[in-house]
C-alpha atoms as a PDB file:
ATOM      1  CA  MET A   1       0.237  -0.038   0.057  1.00  0.00           C
ATOM      2  CA  PRO A   2       1.560   3.503  -0.769  1.00  0.00           C
ATOM      3  CA  THR A   3       2.726   5.731   1.816  1.00  0.00           C
ATOM      4  CA  GLY A   4      -0.078   8.056   3.107  1.00  0.00           C
ATOM      5  CA  THR A   5      -3.041   6.213   1.828  1.00  0.00           C
ATOM      6  CA  GLY A   6      -4.158   4.819   5.123  1.00  0.00           C
ATOM      7  CA  SER A   7      -4.250   1.229   6.446  1.00  0.00           C
ATOM      8  CA  PRO A   8      -5.493  -1.940   4.931  1.00  0.00           C
ATOM      9  CA  THR A   9      -8.406  -1.736   7.657  1.00  0.00           C
ATOM     10  CA  GLY A  10      -9.039   2.042   7.560  1.00  0.00           C
ATOM     11  CA  PRO A  11      -9.943   4.728   5.137  1.00  0.00           C
ATOM     12  CA  PRO A  12      -7.348   6.730   3.402  1.00  0.00           C
ATOM     13  CA  ARG A  13      -6.192   9.688   4.621  1.00  0.00           C
ATOM     14  CA  SER A  14      -7.299  12.965   3.334  1.00  0.00           C
ATOM     15  CA  GLY A  15      -4.735  15.893   2.200  1.00  0.00           C
ATOM     16  CA  ARG A  16      -5.895  17.592   5.095  1.00  0.00           C
ATOM     17  CA  THR A  17      -4.982  14.977   7.601  1.00  0.00           C
ATOM     18  CA  ARG A  18      -1.726  14.569   6.264  1.00  0.00           C
ATOM     19  CA  LEU A  19      -0.796  18.428   5.554  1.00  0.00           C
ATOM     20  CA  GLY A  20      -2.654  19.878   8.483  1.00  0.00           C
ATOM     21  CA  TYR A  21      -4.540  22.168   6.040  1.00  0.00           C
ATOM     22  CA  PHE A  22      -6.613  22.105   2.914  1.00  0.00           C
ATOM     23  CA  PRO A  23      -4.728  22.994  -0.073  1.00  0.00           C
ATOM     24  CA  LYS A  24      -5.973  25.398  -2.438  1.00  0.00           C
ATOM     25  CA  THR A  25      -7.485  23.678  -5.566  1.00  0.00           C
ATOM     26  CA  GLU A  26      -5.266  25.086  -7.964  1.00  0.00           C
ATOM     27  CA  ASP A  27      -2.190  23.753  -5.842  1.00  0.00           C
ATOM     28  CA  VAL A  28      -3.261  20.597  -6.288  1.00  0.00           C
ATOM     29  CA  PRO A  29      -1.228  18.604  -9.005  1.00  0.00           C
ATOM     30  CA  GLY A  30      -3.136  17.515 -11.854  1.00  0.00           C
ATOM     31  CA  VAL A  31      -1.936  13.683 -11.614  1.00  0.00           C
ATOM     32  CA  VAL A  32      -3.563  13.831  -8.269  1.00  0.00           C
ATOM     33  CA  ALA A  33      -6.820  15.141  -9.520  1.00  0.00           C
ATOM     34  CA  GLY A  34      -6.963  12.736 -12.130  1.00  0.00           C
ATOM     35  CA  HIS A  35      -6.397   9.774  -9.827  1.00  0.00           C
ATOM     36  CA  VAL A  36      -8.998  10.746  -7.464  1.00  0.00           C
ATOM     37  CA  ARG A  37     -11.529  11.279 -10.528  1.00  0.00           C
ATOM     38  CA  GLY A  38     -10.490   7.910 -11.507  1.00  0.00           C
ATOM     39  CA  ALA A  39     -10.785   6.348  -7.821  1.00  0.00           C
ATOM     40  CA  LEU A  40     -14.419   8.013  -8.041  1.00  0.00           C
ATOM     41  CA  GLY A  41     -15.424   6.565 -11.447  1.00  0.00           C
ATOM     42  CA  LEU A  42     -15.708  10.182 -12.577  1.00  0.00           C
ATOM     43  CA  ALA A  43     -15.097  11.466 -16.363  1.00  0.00           C
ATOM     44  CA  GLU A  44     -12.138  13.319 -17.403  1.00  0.00           C
ATOM     45  CA  ASP A  45     -14.193  16.404 -17.945  1.00  0.00           C
ATOM     46  CA  VAL A  46     -15.411  16.626 -14.548  1.00  0.00           C
ATOM     47  CA  GLU A  47     -13.994  19.768 -12.932  1.00  0.00           C
ATOM     48  CA  GLN A  48     -13.482  21.015  -9.326  1.00  0.00           C
ATOM     49  CA  ALA A  49     -16.339  21.674  -7.177  1.00  0.00           C
ATOM     50  CA  ALA A  50     -17.864  24.973  -6.895  1.00  0.00           C
ATOM     51  CA  ALA A  51     -16.680  27.160  -4.180  1.00  0.00           C
ATOM     52  CA  ARG A  52     -19.679  26.389  -1.765  1.00  0.00           C
ATOM     53  CA  SER A  53     -19.501  22.888  -2.632  1.00  0.00           C
ATOM     54  CA  ALA A  54     -15.820  22.761  -1.508  1.00  0.00           C
ATOM     55  CA  LYS A  55     -16.967  24.682   1.697  1.00  0.00           C
ATOM     56  CA  ARG A  56     -19.078  22.022   2.463  1.00  0.00           C
ATOM     57  CA  HIS A  57     -16.565  19.382   1.773  1.00  0.00           C
ATOM     58  CA  ARG A  58     -14.155  20.872   4.122  1.00  0.00           C
ATOM     59  CA  GLU A  59     -16.986  21.173   6.595  1.00  0.00           C
ATOM     60  CA  PHE A  60     -17.576  17.286   6.116  1.00  0.00           C
ATOM     61  CA  VAL A  61     -13.810  16.633   6.493  1.00  0.00           C
ATOM     62  CA  ARG A  62     -13.574  18.603   9.694  1.00  0.00           C
ATOM     63  CA  ASP A  63     -16.630  17.048  11.272  1.00  0.00           C
ATOM     64  CA  ARG A  64     -15.377  13.862  10.433  1.00  0.00           C
ATOM     65  CA  LEU A  65     -11.871  14.263  11.974  1.00  0.00           C
ATOM     66  CA  GLY A  66     -13.461  16.222  14.987  1.00  0.00           C
ATOM     67  CA  VAL A  67     -11.467  19.383  13.875  1.00  0.00           C
ATOM     68  CA  VAL A  68     -12.951  22.738  15.022  1.00  0.00           C
ATOM     69  CA  TYR A  69     -12.220  25.749  12.954  1.00  0.00           C
ATOM     70  CA  ASP A  70     -11.587  28.870  14.902  1.00  0.00           C
ATOM     71  CA  ALA A  71     -10.841  31.808  12.236  1.00  0.00           C
ATOM     72  CA  GLY A  72     -10.419  34.405  14.815  1.00  0.00           C
ATOM     73  CA  ARG A  73      -7.624  32.018  16.712  1.00  0.00           C
ATOM     74  CA  VAL A  74      -5.987  31.245  13.250  1.00  0.00           C
ATOM     75  CA  ARG A  75      -5.841  34.969  12.624  1.00  0.00           C
ATOM     76  CA  ARG A  76      -4.344  35.929  16.157  1.00  0.00           C
ATOM     77  CA  VAL A  77      -1.619  33.016  15.295  1.00  0.00           C
ATOM     78  CA  ALA A  78      -0.933  34.456  11.900  1.00  0.00           C
ATOM     79  CA  GLU A  79      -0.561  38.063  13.375  1.00  0.00           C
ATOM     80  CA  ALA A  80       1.895  36.910  15.913  1.00  0.00           C
ATOM     81  CA  ILE A  81       3.999  35.035  13.235  1.00  0.00           C
ATOM     82  CA  ARG A  82       3.758  38.229  10.955  1.00  0.00           C
ATOM     83  CA  GLN A  83       5.189  40.325  13.947  1.00  0.00           C
ATOM     84  CA  ALA A  84       7.758  37.858  14.752  1.00  0.00           C
ATOM     85  CA  VAL A  85       9.223  37.504  11.356  1.00  0.00           C
ATOM     86  CA  GLN A  86      10.132  41.056  11.622  1.00  0.00           C
ATOM     87  CA  ALA A  87      12.805  40.150  13.794  1.00  0.00           C
ATOM     88  CA  LYS A  88      13.423  36.486  13.324  1.00  0.00           C
ATOM     89  CA  ASP A  89      14.277  34.170  10.100  1.00  0.00           C
ATOM     90  CA  ASP A  90      14.503  31.058  11.296  1.00  0.00           C
ATOM     91  CA  PRO A  91      11.633  28.845  10.838  1.00  0.00           C
ATOM     92  CA  ALA A  92      11.840  27.039  14.066  1.00  0.00           C
ATOM     93  CA  ASP A  93      11.707  30.391  15.983  1.00  0.00           C
ATOM     94  CA  LEU A  94       8.514  31.195  13.769  1.00  0.00           C
ATOM     95  CA  ILE A  95       7.144  27.750  14.696  1.00  0.00           C
ATOM     96  CA  ASN A  96       7.800  28.521  18.397  1.00  0.00           C
ATOM     97  CA  VAL A  97       5.929  31.566  18.288  1.00  0.00           C
ATOM     98  CA  ALA A  98       3.047  29.706  16.848  1.00  0.00           C
ATOM     99  CA  LEU A  99       3.055  27.170  19.530  1.00  0.00           C
ATOM    100  CA  ALA A 100       3.255  29.929  22.266  1.00  0.00           C
ATOM    101  CA  GLU A 101       0.300  31.729  20.667  1.00  0.00           C
ATOM    102  CA  ARG A 102      -2.058  28.916  20.555  1.00  0.00           C
ATOM    103  CA  GLY A 103      -1.188  27.126  23.655  1.00  0.00           C
ATOM    104  CA  ALA A 104       0.621  23.953  24.374  1.00  0.00           C
ATOM    105  CA  GLY A 105      -2.080  21.531  25.599  1.00  0.00           C
ATOM    106  CA  PRO A 106      -3.499  18.780  23.240  1.00  0.00           C
ATOM    107  CA  SER A 107      -7.096  20.270  23.622  1.00  0.00           C
ATOM    108  CA  SER A 108      -5.605  23.799  21.961  1.00  0.00           C
ATOM    109  CA  ARG A 109      -4.560  22.269  18.813  1.00  0.00           C
ATOM    110  CA  LEU A 110      -4.990  24.639  16.041  1.00  0.00           C
ATOM    111  CA  ARG A 111      -6.937  23.190  12.975  1.00  0.00           C
END
């Protein structure tokens, strides 16, 4: 079984699970989109979902994974990183800023 596709007894992992975020549709390589179309039995001319459908799909995945999206919290972490990048250039320092801003406990996972 290829890496990242789940286990023989479990469902395949979504890109969100593996990456930690939903990639922009235009950032998904054509070969990946083609594979998904093929796995779902869709015709080659089937295009990406409309923005409204994509939003619903993200909500379904978050619900399935038990992920809560908190836009305000995400913005606070992003702002802390934006401010820190003015004085720090090491990615590890920026990761530490994000971790400090969001809290350290498992219940405070940024999603």
